[in-house]
Amino acid sequence: MQIAFLLYPRFTALDIVGPYDVLSRLPGAEPWFVAKESGPVRNDNGRLQLVAEKTLDEVPSPEILVVPGGSGTTDAADEATLRWIRNAHATSTWTTSVCTGSLLLAGAGLLDGQTATSHWSAEEQLEALGAIYRAERFIRVGKLITAAGVSAGIDMALYLAGEIAGPTTAQAIQLLIEYDPQPPYDAGSMAKAPPDAVKTLQQMFNT
């Protein structure tokens, strides 16, 4: 079962590493980090690198496609990458995204008129590309699954693991990675975050 994890400059690390840690443990999994060119690819803070083991051309028809988000999403939406996504989706069993990775799926024309999710900050961008945004942890439409921001990729991947290998295997993977969220704060969505936290976040991105 070939799984392609797309990399591009300024991807968000947990978007791709979270699903990788889940899906790579499925029986028969053949996971590959792929990019336009093989070699190291830096994440969105420039301090971490993942190595693309294969080029897009070397993995044209993965059974599962995982597209992360990140600050480099816009630059990644070139025709070669979007064409690869379209072609991979044509034969995939599952096509997924995490965070603003859904903008790449939408840019490839896969989400036209479809309900989808993304990072909350990308709602307008996603809808401008033809999708219908919903603030859900993840959304499945047929073989397409879009996940919300960053950590939601783990939830999406566990759901997908259950669909592929059954709930017992998915639960065993969850236990292995000890995914038992008990955050010290309840500010993980715009519906829950206090105004001071929202203001601080805005200041962080405006400096």
N, C-alpha and C. Protein backbone atom coordinates (compact mmCIF):
# COMPACT_ATOMS: atom_id res chain seq x y z
N MET A 1 0.85 -1.19 0.00
CA MET A 1 0.00 0.00 0.00
C MET A 1 0.88 1.24 0.00
N GLN A 2 1.05 1.84 -1.15
CA GLN A 2 1.93 2.98 -1.29
C GLN A 2 1.25 4.26 -0.77
N ILE A 3 1.94 4.96 0.12
CA ILE A 3 1.40 6.20 0.71
C ILE A 3 2.38 7.32 0.38
N ALA A 4 1.90 8.36 -0.29
CA ALA A 4 2.73 9.50 -0.66
C ALA A 4 2.44 10.67 0.27
N PHE A 5 3.47 11.13 0.97
CA PHE A 5 3.39 12.29 1.85
C PHE A 5 4.09 13.45 1.14
N LEU A 6 3.32 14.39 0.65
CA LEU A 6 3.86 15.48 -0.17
C LEU A 6 4.64 16.47 0.69
N LEU A 7 5.84 16.84 0.22
CA LEU A 7 6.63 17.89 0.85
C LEU A 7 6.83 19.04 -0.13
N TYR A 8 6.92 20.24 0.41
CA TYR A 8 7.26 21.44 -0.37
C TYR A 8 7.84 22.45 0.61
N PRO A 9 8.62 23.40 0.14
CA PRO A 9 9.25 24.36 1.05
C PRO A 9 8.22 25.08 1.91
N ARG A 10 8.52 25.16 3.22
CA ARG A 10 7.70 25.84 4.23
C ARG A 10 6.40 25.09 4.52
N PHE A 11 6.48 23.76 4.55
CA PHE A 11 5.37 22.95 5.04
C PHE A 11 5.36 23.02 6.56
N THR A 12 4.22 22.69 7.18
CA THR A 12 4.13 22.61 8.64
C THR A 12 4.43 21.17 9.07
N ALA A 13 5.40 21.02 9.96
CA ALA A 13 5.93 19.70 10.28
C ALA A 13 4.86 18.74 10.82
N LEU A 14 4.09 19.15 11.81
CA LEU A 14 3.13 18.23 12.41
C LEU A 14 2.03 17.83 11.44
N ASP A 15 1.73 18.69 10.47
CA ASP A 15 0.74 18.35 9.45
C ASP A 15 1.07 17.03 8.78
N ILE A 16 2.35 16.78 8.56
CA ILE A 16 2.77 15.60 7.81
C ILE A 16 3.31 14.51 8.73
N VAL A 17 4.00 14.90 9.80
CA VAL A 17 4.59 13.90 10.70
C VAL A 17 3.51 13.18 11.50
N GLY A 18 2.47 13.89 11.91
CA GLY A 18 1.38 13.25 12.65
C GLY A 18 0.73 12.12 11.86
N PRO A 19 0.22 12.42 10.64
CA PRO A 19 -0.34 11.35 9.82
C PRO A 19 0.68 10.26 9.47
N TYR A 20 1.95 10.66 9.25
CA TYR A 20 2.98 9.67 8.94
C TYR A 20 3.12 8.67 10.09
N ASP A 21 3.16 9.15 11.32
CA ASP A 21 3.34 8.26 12.46
C ASP A 21 2.18 7.28 12.62
N VAL A 22 1.00 7.66 12.14
CA VAL A 22 -0.14 6.75 12.20
C VAL A 22 -0.16 5.82 11.00
N LEU A 23 -0.17 6.38 9.80
CA LEU A 23 -0.40 5.58 8.60
C LEU A 23 0.77 4.68 8.24
N SER A 24 1.99 5.09 8.60
CA SER A 24 3.15 4.25 8.28
C SER A 24 3.15 2.96 9.08
N ARG A 25 2.32 2.87 10.12
CA ARG A 25 2.26 1.67 10.96
C ARG A 25 1.18 0.69 10.50
N LEU A 26 0.45 1.03 9.44
CA LEU A 26 -0.56 0.11 8.93
C LEU A 26 0.10 -1.11 8.31
N PRO A 27 -0.50 -2.28 8.45
CA PRO A 27 0.05 -3.48 7.81
C PRO A 27 0.18 -3.26 6.29
N GLY A 28 1.35 -3.57 5.76
CA GLY A 28 1.56 -3.44 4.33
C GLY A 28 1.85 -2.03 3.85
N ALA A 29 2.03 -1.09 4.78
CA ALA A 29 2.27 0.31 4.38
C ALA A 29 3.64 0.45 3.73
N GLU A 30 3.66 1.24 2.65
CA GLU A 30 4.91 1.61 1.97
C GLU A 30 4.94 3.13 1.88
N PRO A 31 5.36 3.81 2.96
CA PRO A 31 5.29 5.27 3.00
C PRO A 31 6.49 5.92 2.32
N TRP A 32 6.22 7.01 1.58
CA TRP A 32 7.29 7.76 0.94
C TRP A 32 7.04 9.25 1.11
N PHE A 33 8.09 9.98 1.49
CA PHE A 33 8.04 11.44 1.39
C PHE A 33 8.42 11.79 -0.04
N VAL A 34 7.58 12.58 -0.70
CA VAL A 34 7.81 12.93 -2.10
C VAL A 34 7.79 14.45 -2.27
N ALA A 35 8.50 14.92 -3.29
CA ALA A 35 8.55 16.34 -3.61
C ALA A 35 8.92 16.51 -5.08
N LYS A 36 8.89 17.73 -5.57
CA LYS A 36 9.25 17.96 -6.96
C LYS A 36 10.67 17.49 -7.24
N GLU A 37 11.54 17.67 -6.26
CA GLU A 37 12.91 17.17 -6.35
C GLU A 37 13.23 16.39 -5.09
N SER A 38 13.97 15.33 -5.22
CA SER A 38 14.37 14.57 -4.04
C SER A 38 15.40 15.36 -3.23
N GLY A 39 15.50 15.04 -1.94
CA GLY A 39 16.44 15.73 -1.08
C GLY A 39 15.74 16.42 0.08
N PRO A 40 16.49 17.15 0.91
CA PRO A 40 15.91 17.78 2.10
C PRO A 40 14.98 18.94 1.74
N VAL A 41 13.92 19.06 2.51
CA VAL A 41 12.93 20.14 2.34
C VAL A 41 12.71 20.77 3.71
N ARG A 42 12.85 22.09 3.79
CA ARG A 42 12.72 22.78 5.08
C ARG A 42 11.27 23.12 5.40
N ASN A 43 10.96 23.07 6.70
CA ASN A 43 9.61 23.38 7.13
C ASN A 43 9.41 24.90 7.22
N ASP A 44 8.25 25.31 7.77
CA ASP A 44 7.87 26.72 7.71
C ASP A 44 8.62 27.63 8.68
N ASN A 45 9.35 27.09 9.62
CA ASN A 45 10.21 27.98 10.42
C ASN A 45 11.68 27.85 10.03
N GLY A 46 11.93 27.01 9.03
CA GLY A 46 13.27 26.88 8.48
C GLY A 46 14.26 26.12 9.32
N ARG A 47 13.82 25.56 10.44
CA ARG A 47 14.74 24.91 11.37
C ARG A 47 14.73 23.39 11.28
N LEU A 48 13.75 22.85 10.59
CA LEU A 48 13.62 21.40 10.51
C LEU A 48 13.55 20.99 9.05
N GLN A 49 14.15 19.85 8.74
CA GLN A 49 14.12 19.34 7.38
C GLN A 49 13.63 17.90 7.35
N LEU A 50 12.80 17.59 6.39
CA LEU A 50 12.48 16.21 6.07
C LEU A 50 13.05 15.91 4.69
N VAL A 51 13.41 14.67 4.45
CA VAL A 51 14.04 14.30 3.20
C VAL A 51 13.02 13.66 2.26
N ALA A 52 12.84 14.27 1.12
CA ALA A 52 12.01 13.67 0.07
C ALA A 52 12.81 12.54 -0.56
N GLU A 53 12.34 11.33 -0.38
CA GLU A 53 13.07 10.16 -0.87
C GLU A 53 12.85 9.92 -2.36
N LYS A 54 11.72 10.41 -2.86
CA LYS A 54 11.38 10.22 -4.26
C LYS A 54 10.79 11.51 -4.84
N THR A 55 10.89 11.65 -6.15
CA THR A 55 10.26 12.78 -6.82
C THR A 55 8.79 12.44 -7.10
N LEU A 56 8.03 13.46 -7.46
CA LEU A 56 6.63 13.24 -7.80
C LEU A 56 6.50 12.25 -8.95
N ASP A 57 7.36 12.39 -9.94
CA ASP A 57 7.29 11.50 -11.10
C ASP A 57 7.54 10.04 -10.73
N GLU A 58 8.28 9.81 -9.65
CA GLU A 58 8.59 8.44 -9.25
C GLU A 58 7.45 7.78 -8.48
N VAL A 59 6.50 8.57 -8.02
CA VAL A 59 5.34 8.03 -7.29
C VAL A 59 4.08 8.62 -7.91
N PRO A 60 3.72 8.19 -9.11
CA PRO A 60 2.60 8.82 -9.81
C PRO A 60 1.22 8.35 -9.34
N SER A 61 1.15 7.16 -8.76
CA SER A 61 -0.16 6.57 -8.45
C SER A 61 -0.22 5.97 -7.06
N PRO A 62 -0.02 6.78 -6.01
CA PRO A 62 -0.10 6.23 -4.64
C PRO A 62 -1.53 5.83 -4.30
N GLU A 63 -1.65 4.85 -3.45
CA GLU A 63 -2.99 4.47 -2.99
C GLU A 63 -3.55 5.50 -2.02
N ILE A 64 -2.65 6.12 -1.24
CA ILE A 64 -3.06 7.17 -0.31
C ILE A 64 -2.18 8.38 -0.55
N LEU A 65 -2.80 9.54 -0.61
CA LEU A 65 -2.09 10.81 -0.78
C LEU A 65 -2.37 11.67 0.43
N VAL A 66 -1.30 12.21 1.04
CA VAL A 66 -1.43 13.10 2.19
C VAL A 66 -0.75 14.42 1.85
N VAL A 67 -1.53 15.51 1.88
CA VAL A 67 -1.04 16.84 1.51
C VAL A 67 -1.07 17.74 2.75
N PRO A 68 0.07 18.18 3.24
CA PRO A 68 0.10 19.05 4.42
C PRO A 68 -0.13 20.51 4.06
N GLY A 69 -0.35 21.32 5.08
CA GLY A 69 -0.41 22.76 4.89
C GLY A 69 0.89 23.41 5.32
N GLY A 70 0.85 24.73 5.38
CA GLY A 70 2.03 25.48 5.78
C GLY A 70 2.05 26.84 5.10
N SER A 71 2.98 27.67 5.51
CA SER A 71 3.06 29.01 4.93
C SER A 71 3.50 28.98 3.47
N GLY A 72 4.03 27.84 3.01
CA GLY A 72 4.45 27.73 1.62
C GLY A 72 3.38 27.21 0.69
N THR A 73 2.17 27.08 1.16
CA THR A 73 1.10 26.49 0.35
C THR A 73 0.89 27.24 -0.96
N THR A 74 0.85 28.57 -0.89
CA THR A 74 0.60 29.35 -2.11
C THR A 74 1.68 29.12 -3.15
N ASP A 75 2.94 29.17 -2.73
CA ASP A 75 4.03 28.95 -3.67
C ASP A 75 4.05 27.52 -4.20
N ALA A 76 3.52 26.59 -3.41
CA ALA A 76 3.51 25.19 -3.84
C ALA A 76 2.46 24.91 -4.90
N ALA A 77 1.54 25.85 -5.08
CA ALA A 77 0.42 25.62 -6.00
C ALA A 77 0.82 25.91 -7.45
N ASP A 78 1.94 25.35 -7.88
CA ASP A 78 2.35 25.50 -9.28
C ASP A 78 1.69 24.40 -10.10
N GLU A 79 1.71 24.57 -11.41
CA GLU A 79 0.96 23.65 -12.26
C GLU A 79 1.49 22.23 -12.19
N ALA A 80 2.81 22.06 -12.05
CA ALA A 80 3.36 20.71 -12.00
C ALA A 80 2.86 19.96 -10.76
N THR A 81 2.84 20.64 -9.62
CA THR A 81 2.36 20.00 -8.38
C THR A 81 0.86 19.75 -8.44
N LEU A 82 0.10 20.73 -8.91
CA LEU A 82 -1.35 20.54 -9.01
C LEU A 82 -1.71 19.44 -9.99
N ARG A 83 -0.98 19.35 -11.07
CA ARG A 83 -1.23 18.28 -12.05
C ARG A 83 -0.94 16.92 -11.42
N TRP A 84 0.16 16.83 -10.65
CA TRP A 84 0.47 15.57 -9.99
C TRP A 84 -0.64 15.19 -9.01
N ILE A 85 -1.14 16.17 -8.25
CA ILE A 85 -2.23 15.90 -7.31
C ILE A 85 -3.46 15.39 -8.05
N ARG A 86 -3.82 16.06 -9.14
CA ARG A 86 -4.99 15.62 -9.93
C ARG A 86 -4.81 14.19 -10.44
N ASN A 87 -3.64 13.92 -10.99
CA ASN A 87 -3.39 12.59 -11.55
C ASN A 87 -3.34 11.52 -10.47
N ALA A 88 -2.72 11.84 -9.33
CA ALA A 88 -2.66 10.88 -8.23
C ALA A 88 -4.07 10.60 -7.70
N HIS A 89 -4.87 11.64 -7.60
CA HIS A 89 -6.24 11.48 -7.10
C HIS A 89 -7.08 10.60 -8.03
N ALA A 90 -6.80 10.67 -9.32
CA ALA A 90 -7.58 9.91 -10.29
C ALA A 90 -7.52 8.41 -10.03
N THR A 91 -6.42 7.95 -9.45
CA THR A 91 -6.26 6.51 -9.21
C THR A 91 -6.13 6.14 -7.73
N SER A 92 -6.13 7.14 -6.86
CA SER A 92 -5.93 6.86 -5.43
C SER A 92 -7.15 6.16 -4.83
N THR A 93 -6.90 5.50 -3.72
CA THR A 93 -8.00 4.98 -2.91
C THR A 93 -8.48 6.04 -1.94
N TRP A 94 -7.53 6.83 -1.43
CA TRP A 94 -7.83 7.92 -0.51
C TRP A 94 -6.96 9.12 -0.86
N THR A 95 -7.57 10.30 -0.84
CA THR A 95 -6.84 11.56 -1.02
C THR A 95 -7.14 12.44 0.18
N THR A 96 -6.10 12.88 0.89
CA THR A 96 -6.32 13.60 2.14
C THR A 96 -5.48 14.86 2.21
N SER A 97 -5.91 15.76 3.09
CA SER A 97 -5.12 16.96 3.35
C SER A 97 -5.22 17.31 4.82
N VAL A 98 -4.26 18.09 5.27
CA VAL A 98 -4.25 18.59 6.64
C VAL A 98 -4.05 20.10 6.57
N CYS A 99 -4.80 20.82 7.39
CA CYS A 99 -4.63 22.27 7.48
C CYS A 99 -4.81 22.91 6.10
N THR A 100 -3.94 23.84 5.73
CA THR A 100 -4.10 24.53 4.45
C THR A 100 -3.69 23.67 3.26
N GLY A 101 -3.35 22.42 3.50
CA GLY A 101 -3.17 21.50 2.38
C GLY A 101 -4.42 21.39 1.54
N SER A 102 -5.59 21.65 2.14
CA SER A 102 -6.83 21.60 1.37
C SER A 102 -6.86 22.67 0.28
N LEU A 103 -6.08 23.74 0.44
CA LEU A 103 -6.01 24.75 -0.62
C LEU A 103 -5.36 24.17 -1.87
N LEU A 104 -4.41 23.25 -1.69
CA LEU A 104 -3.80 22.59 -2.84
C LEU A 104 -4.78 21.63 -3.50
N LEU A 105 -5.55 20.90 -2.70
CA LEU A 105 -6.58 20.05 -3.29
C LEU A 105 -7.60 20.88 -4.05
N ALA A 106 -7.98 22.01 -3.46
CA ALA A 106 -8.95 22.88 -4.13
C ALA A 106 -8.35 23.49 -5.38
N GLY A 107 -7.08 23.90 -5.31
CA GLY A 107 -6.42 24.46 -6.47
C GLY A 107 -6.31 23.47 -7.61
N ALA A 108 -6.26 22.19 -7.27
CA ALA A 108 -6.22 21.14 -8.29
C ALA A 108 -7.60 20.81 -8.82
N GLY A 109 -8.63 21.48 -8.29
CA GLY A 109 -9.99 21.27 -8.77
C GLY A 109 -10.72 20.11 -8.14
N LEU A 110 -10.21 19.59 -7.04
CA LEU A 110 -10.81 18.40 -6.42
C LEU A 110 -11.95 18.72 -5.46
N LEU A 111 -12.07 19.99 -5.06
CA LEU A 111 -13.05 20.33 -4.03
C LEU A 111 -14.16 21.24 -4.55
N ASP A 112 -14.31 21.35 -5.85
CA ASP A 112 -15.34 22.22 -6.42
C ASP A 112 -16.72 21.80 -5.92
N GLY A 113 -17.39 22.72 -5.21
CA GLY A 113 -18.72 22.44 -4.70
C GLY A 113 -18.78 21.45 -3.56
N GLN A 114 -17.61 21.03 -3.05
CA GLN A 114 -17.55 20.03 -1.99
C GLN A 114 -17.41 20.69 -0.62
N THR A 115 -18.01 20.08 0.38
CA THR A 115 -17.79 20.50 1.75
C THR A 115 -16.40 20.06 2.17
N ALA A 116 -15.65 20.98 2.79
CA ALA A 116 -14.27 20.67 3.18
C ALA A 116 -13.90 21.55 4.36
N THR A 117 -12.77 21.21 4.99
CA THR A 117 -12.27 22.03 6.08
C THR A 117 -10.81 22.34 5.88
N SER A 118 -10.28 23.17 6.75
CA SER A 118 -8.91 23.64 6.66
C SER A 118 -8.59 24.34 7.98
N HIS A 119 -7.43 24.95 8.07
CA HIS A 119 -7.17 25.82 9.21
C HIS A 119 -8.20 26.95 9.19
N TRP A 120 -8.67 27.35 10.36
CA TRP A 120 -9.74 28.36 10.41
C TRP A 120 -9.37 29.65 9.69
N SER A 121 -8.09 29.98 9.64
CA SER A 121 -7.68 31.23 8.99
C SER A 121 -7.80 31.18 7.48
N ALA A 122 -8.00 29.99 6.92
CA ALA A 122 -8.03 29.83 5.46
C ALA A 122 -9.44 29.70 4.91
N GLU A 123 -10.45 30.00 5.72
CA GLU A 123 -11.84 29.83 5.27
C GLU A 123 -12.12 30.57 3.96
N GLU A 124 -11.78 31.85 3.90
CA GLU A 124 -12.08 32.64 2.70
C GLU A 124 -11.30 32.14 1.50
N GLN A 125 -10.04 31.78 1.70
CA GLN A 125 -9.23 31.27 0.60
C GLN A 125 -9.81 29.97 0.05
N LEU A 126 -10.23 29.09 0.94
CA LEU A 126 -10.78 27.81 0.51
C LEU A 126 -12.06 28.00 -0.29
N GLU A 127 -12.93 28.88 0.18
CA GLU A 127 -14.18 29.10 -0.53
C GLU A 127 -13.95 29.83 -1.85
N ALA A 128 -12.93 30.69 -1.91
CA ALA A 128 -12.61 31.36 -3.18
C ALA A 128 -12.16 30.35 -4.24
N LEU A 129 -11.67 29.20 -3.78
CA LEU A 129 -11.22 28.15 -4.71
C LEU A 129 -12.33 27.14 -5.01
N GLY A 130 -13.55 27.42 -4.56
CA GLY A 130 -14.68 26.62 -4.97
C GLY A 130 -15.22 25.63 -3.96
N ALA A 131 -14.58 25.52 -2.80
CA ALA A 131 -15.06 24.59 -1.77
C ALA A 131 -16.07 25.28 -0.85
N ILE A 132 -16.75 24.48 -0.05
CA ILE A 132 -17.69 24.99 0.95
C ILE A 132 -17.08 24.68 2.32
N TYR A 133 -16.61 25.72 3.01
CA TYR A 133 -15.90 25.52 4.28
C TYR A 133 -16.85 25.16 5.41
N ARG A 134 -16.43 24.20 6.23
CA ARG A 134 -17.12 23.87 7.48
C ARG A 134 -16.06 23.73 8.57
N ALA A 135 -16.35 24.26 9.74
CA ALA A 135 -15.41 24.20 10.87
C ALA A 135 -15.56 22.88 11.59
N GLU A 136 -15.02 21.82 10.99
CA GLU A 136 -15.07 20.48 11.57
C GLU A 136 -13.64 19.98 11.77
N ARG A 137 -13.48 18.99 12.64
CA ARG A 137 -12.15 18.43 12.89
C ARG A 137 -11.61 17.77 11.62
N PHE A 138 -12.44 16.99 10.96
CA PHE A 138 -12.13 16.51 9.61
C PHE A 138 -13.44 16.19 8.92
N ILE A 139 -13.41 16.20 7.59
CA ILE A 139 -14.61 15.97 6.80
C ILE A 139 -14.28 14.97 5.71
N ARG A 140 -15.11 13.96 5.59
CA ARG A 140 -14.97 12.99 4.51
C ARG A 140 -16.07 13.17 3.49
N VAL A 141 -15.70 13.25 2.24
CA VAL A 141 -16.65 13.23 1.12
C VAL A 141 -16.12 12.18 0.14
N GLY A 142 -16.73 11.01 0.13
CA GLY A 142 -16.23 9.94 -0.71
C GLY A 142 -14.84 9.52 -0.26
N LYS A 143 -13.88 9.54 -1.20
CA LYS A 143 -12.51 9.16 -0.85
C LYS A 143 -11.65 10.35 -0.46
N LEU A 144 -12.26 11.53 -0.42
CA LEU A 144 -11.55 12.74 -0.01
C LEU A 144 -11.76 13.00 1.48
N ILE A 145 -10.67 13.23 2.19
CA ILE A 145 -10.77 13.61 3.60
C ILE A 145 -9.92 14.85 3.82
N THR A 146 -10.54 15.93 4.28
CA THR A 146 -9.80 17.14 4.64
C THR A 146 -9.84 17.31 6.15
N ALA A 147 -8.70 17.65 6.73
CA ALA A 147 -8.61 17.85 8.18
C ALA A 147 -8.36 19.32 8.48
N ALA A 148 -8.76 19.75 9.65
CA ALA A 148 -8.55 21.14 10.07
C ALA A 148 -7.08 21.33 10.42
N GLY A 149 -6.78 22.35 11.20
CA GLY A 149 -5.40 22.75 11.42
C GLY A 149 -4.53 21.75 12.16
N VAL A 150 -3.36 21.50 11.63
CA VAL A 150 -2.20 20.86 12.23
C VAL A 150 -2.53 19.58 13.00
N SER A 151 -2.88 19.68 14.27
CA SER A 151 -3.07 18.49 15.10
C SER A 151 -4.25 17.64 14.63
N ALA A 152 -5.18 18.23 13.87
CA ALA A 152 -6.33 17.47 13.38
C ALA A 152 -5.89 16.37 12.42
N GLY A 153 -4.68 16.48 11.88
CA GLY A 153 -4.19 15.43 10.99
C GLY A 153 -4.07 14.09 11.67
N ILE A 154 -3.79 14.08 12.97
CA ILE A 154 -3.70 12.82 13.70
C ILE A 154 -5.09 12.19 13.80
N ASP A 155 -6.10 12.98 14.10
CA ASP A 155 -7.47 12.47 14.17
C ASP A 155 -7.88 11.88 12.82
N MET A 156 -7.59 12.64 11.75
CA MET A 156 -7.93 12.17 10.40
C MET A 156 -7.24 10.85 10.09
N ALA A 157 -5.95 10.76 10.43
CA ALA A 157 -5.18 9.56 10.11
C ALA A 157 -5.69 8.35 10.89
N LEU A 158 -6.07 8.53 12.13
CA LEU A 158 -6.62 7.43 12.92
C LEU A 158 -7.96 6.97 12.34
N TYR A 159 -8.77 7.92 11.92
CA TYR A 159 -10.03 7.54 11.27
C TYR A 159 -9.74 6.73 10.01
N LEU A 160 -8.80 7.21 9.20
CA LEU A 160 -8.46 6.52 7.97
C LEU A 160 -7.88 5.13 8.26
N ALA A 161 -7.06 5.03 9.29
CA ALA A 161 -6.53 3.72 9.68
C ALA A 161 -7.65 2.75 10.01
N GLY A 162 -8.67 3.25 10.68
CA GLY A 162 -9.82 2.41 11.01
C GLY A 162 -10.58 1.97 9.78
N GLU A 163 -10.71 2.87 8.80
CA GLU A 163 -11.41 2.52 7.57
C GLU A 163 -10.63 1.47 6.77
N ILE A 164 -9.31 1.55 6.81
CA ILE A 164 -8.46 0.64 6.03
C ILE A 164 -8.26 -0.70 6.73
N ALA A 165 -7.92 -0.66 8.00
CA ALA A 165 -7.50 -1.87 8.70
C ALA A 165 -8.45 -2.29 9.83
N GLY A 166 -9.50 -1.52 10.05
CA GLY A 166 -10.45 -1.84 11.10
C GLY A 166 -10.17 -1.09 12.39
N PRO A 167 -11.20 -0.92 13.22
CA PRO A 167 -11.04 -0.12 14.43
C PRO A 167 -10.05 -0.69 15.43
N THR A 168 -9.92 -2.00 15.52
CA THR A 168 -8.99 -2.57 16.49
C THR A 168 -7.56 -2.19 16.16
N THR A 169 -7.18 -2.26 14.89
CA THR A 169 -5.84 -1.86 14.48
C THR A 169 -5.63 -0.37 14.71
N ALA A 170 -6.64 0.43 14.39
CA ALA A 170 -6.53 1.88 14.61
C ALA A 170 -6.36 2.19 16.09
N GLN A 171 -7.10 1.48 16.93
CA GLN A 171 -6.98 1.69 18.37
C GLN A 171 -5.62 1.25 18.88
N ALA A 172 -5.09 0.17 18.31
CA ALA A 172 -3.76 -0.29 18.71
C ALA A 172 -2.70 0.75 18.35
N ILE A 173 -2.84 1.37 17.18
CA ILE A 173 -1.90 2.43 16.79
C ILE A 173 -2.06 3.63 17.71
N GLN A 174 -3.29 3.97 18.03
CA GLN A 174 -3.52 5.08 18.96
C GLN A 174 -2.86 4.82 20.31
N LEU A 175 -2.97 3.59 20.78
CA LEU A 175 -2.34 3.24 22.05
C LEU A 175 -0.82 3.29 21.93
N LEU A 176 -0.29 2.80 20.81
CA LEU A 176 1.15 2.81 20.60
C LEU A 176 1.71 4.22 20.66
N ILE A 177 1.05 5.16 20.00
CA ILE A 177 1.55 6.55 19.99
C ILE A 177 1.05 7.34 21.20
N GLU A 178 0.28 6.66 22.05
CA GLU A 178 -0.28 7.26 23.27
C GLU A 178 -0.97 8.59 22.96
N TYR A 179 -1.84 8.54 21.97
CA TYR A 179 -2.59 9.73 21.60
C TYR A 179 -3.82 9.82 22.51
N ASP A 180 -3.68 10.57 23.57
CA ASP A 180 -4.72 10.69 24.60
C ASP A 180 -4.77 12.16 25.03
N PRO A 181 -5.22 13.04 24.15
CA PRO A 181 -5.11 14.49 24.40
C PRO A 181 -5.80 14.95 25.68
N GLN A 182 -5.06 15.64 26.50
CA GLN A 182 -5.59 16.27 27.71
C GLN A 182 -4.90 17.63 27.86
N PRO A 183 -5.16 18.55 26.95
CA PRO A 183 -4.44 19.82 26.95
C PRO A 183 -4.72 20.64 28.21
N PRO A 184 -3.73 21.41 28.66
CA PRO A 184 -3.91 22.22 29.85
C PRO A 184 -4.83 23.42 29.63
N TYR A 185 -5.09 23.75 28.36
CA TYR A 185 -5.97 24.87 28.03
C TYR A 185 -7.01 24.41 27.01
N ASP A 186 -8.16 25.06 27.03
CA ASP A 186 -9.23 24.74 26.09
C ASP A 186 -9.38 25.91 25.13
N ALA A 187 -8.33 26.14 24.33
CA ALA A 187 -8.32 27.29 23.42
C ALA A 187 -7.94 26.85 22.01
N GLY A 188 -8.32 25.62 21.64
CA GLY A 188 -7.87 25.06 20.38
C GLY A 188 -8.71 25.38 19.18
N SER A 189 -9.73 26.22 19.33
CA SER A 189 -10.53 26.64 18.18
C SER A 189 -11.01 28.06 18.41
N MET A 190 -11.42 28.71 17.33
CA MET A 190 -11.91 30.08 17.45
C MET A 190 -13.17 30.14 18.31
N ALA A 191 -13.92 29.04 18.35
CA ALA A 191 -15.14 29.01 19.15
C ALA A 191 -14.85 28.96 20.64
N LYS A 192 -13.63 28.55 21.01
CA LYS A 192 -13.28 28.37 22.41
C LYS A 192 -12.24 29.36 22.92
N ALA A 193 -11.40 29.86 22.05
CA ALA A 193 -10.28 30.69 22.48
C ALA A 193 -10.76 32.01 23.10
N PRO A 194 -10.21 32.40 24.26
CA PRO A 194 -10.59 33.67 24.86
C PRO A 194 -10.06 34.84 24.04
N PRO A 195 -10.71 36.01 24.14
CA PRO A 195 -10.32 37.17 23.33
C PRO A 195 -8.84 37.54 23.48
N ASP A 196 -8.30 37.43 24.69
CA ASP A 196 -6.89 37.79 24.88
C ASP A 196 -5.96 36.88 24.09
N ALA A 197 -6.32 35.60 23.99
CA ALA A 197 -5.50 34.67 23.23
C ALA A 197 -5.55 34.99 21.74
N VAL A 198 -6.75 35.34 21.26
CA VAL A 198 -6.90 35.73 19.85
C VAL A 198 -6.09 36.98 19.56
N LYS A 199 -6.15 37.95 20.45
CA LYS A 199 -5.39 39.20 20.27
C LYS A 199 -3.89 38.92 20.25
N THR A 200 -3.44 38.08 21.16
CA THR A 200 -2.01 37.75 21.21
C THR A 200 -1.55 37.07 19.93
N LEU A 201 -2.37 36.17 19.41
CA LEU A 201 -2.05 35.49 18.16
C LEU A 201 -1.95 36.49 17.01
N GLN A 202 -2.87 37.41 16.96
CA GLN A 202 -2.85 38.43 15.91
C GLN A 202 -1.58 39.27 16.00
N GLN A 203 -1.19 39.61 17.22
CA GLN A 203 0.02 40.39 17.40
C GLN A 203 1.27 39.60 16.98
N MET A 204 1.27 38.30 17.26
CA MET A 204 2.39 37.45 16.87
C MET A 204 2.59 37.45 15.36
N PHE A 205 1.51 37.46 14.61
CA PHE A 205 1.60 37.39 13.16
C PHE A 205 1.73 38.76 12.52
N ASN A 206 1.49 39.81 13.27
CA ASN A 206 1.60 41.16 12.73
C ASN A 206 2.94 41.81 13.02
N THR A 207 3.80 41.12 13.80
CA THR A 207 5.12 41.69 14.12
C THR A 207 6.17 41.19 13.16
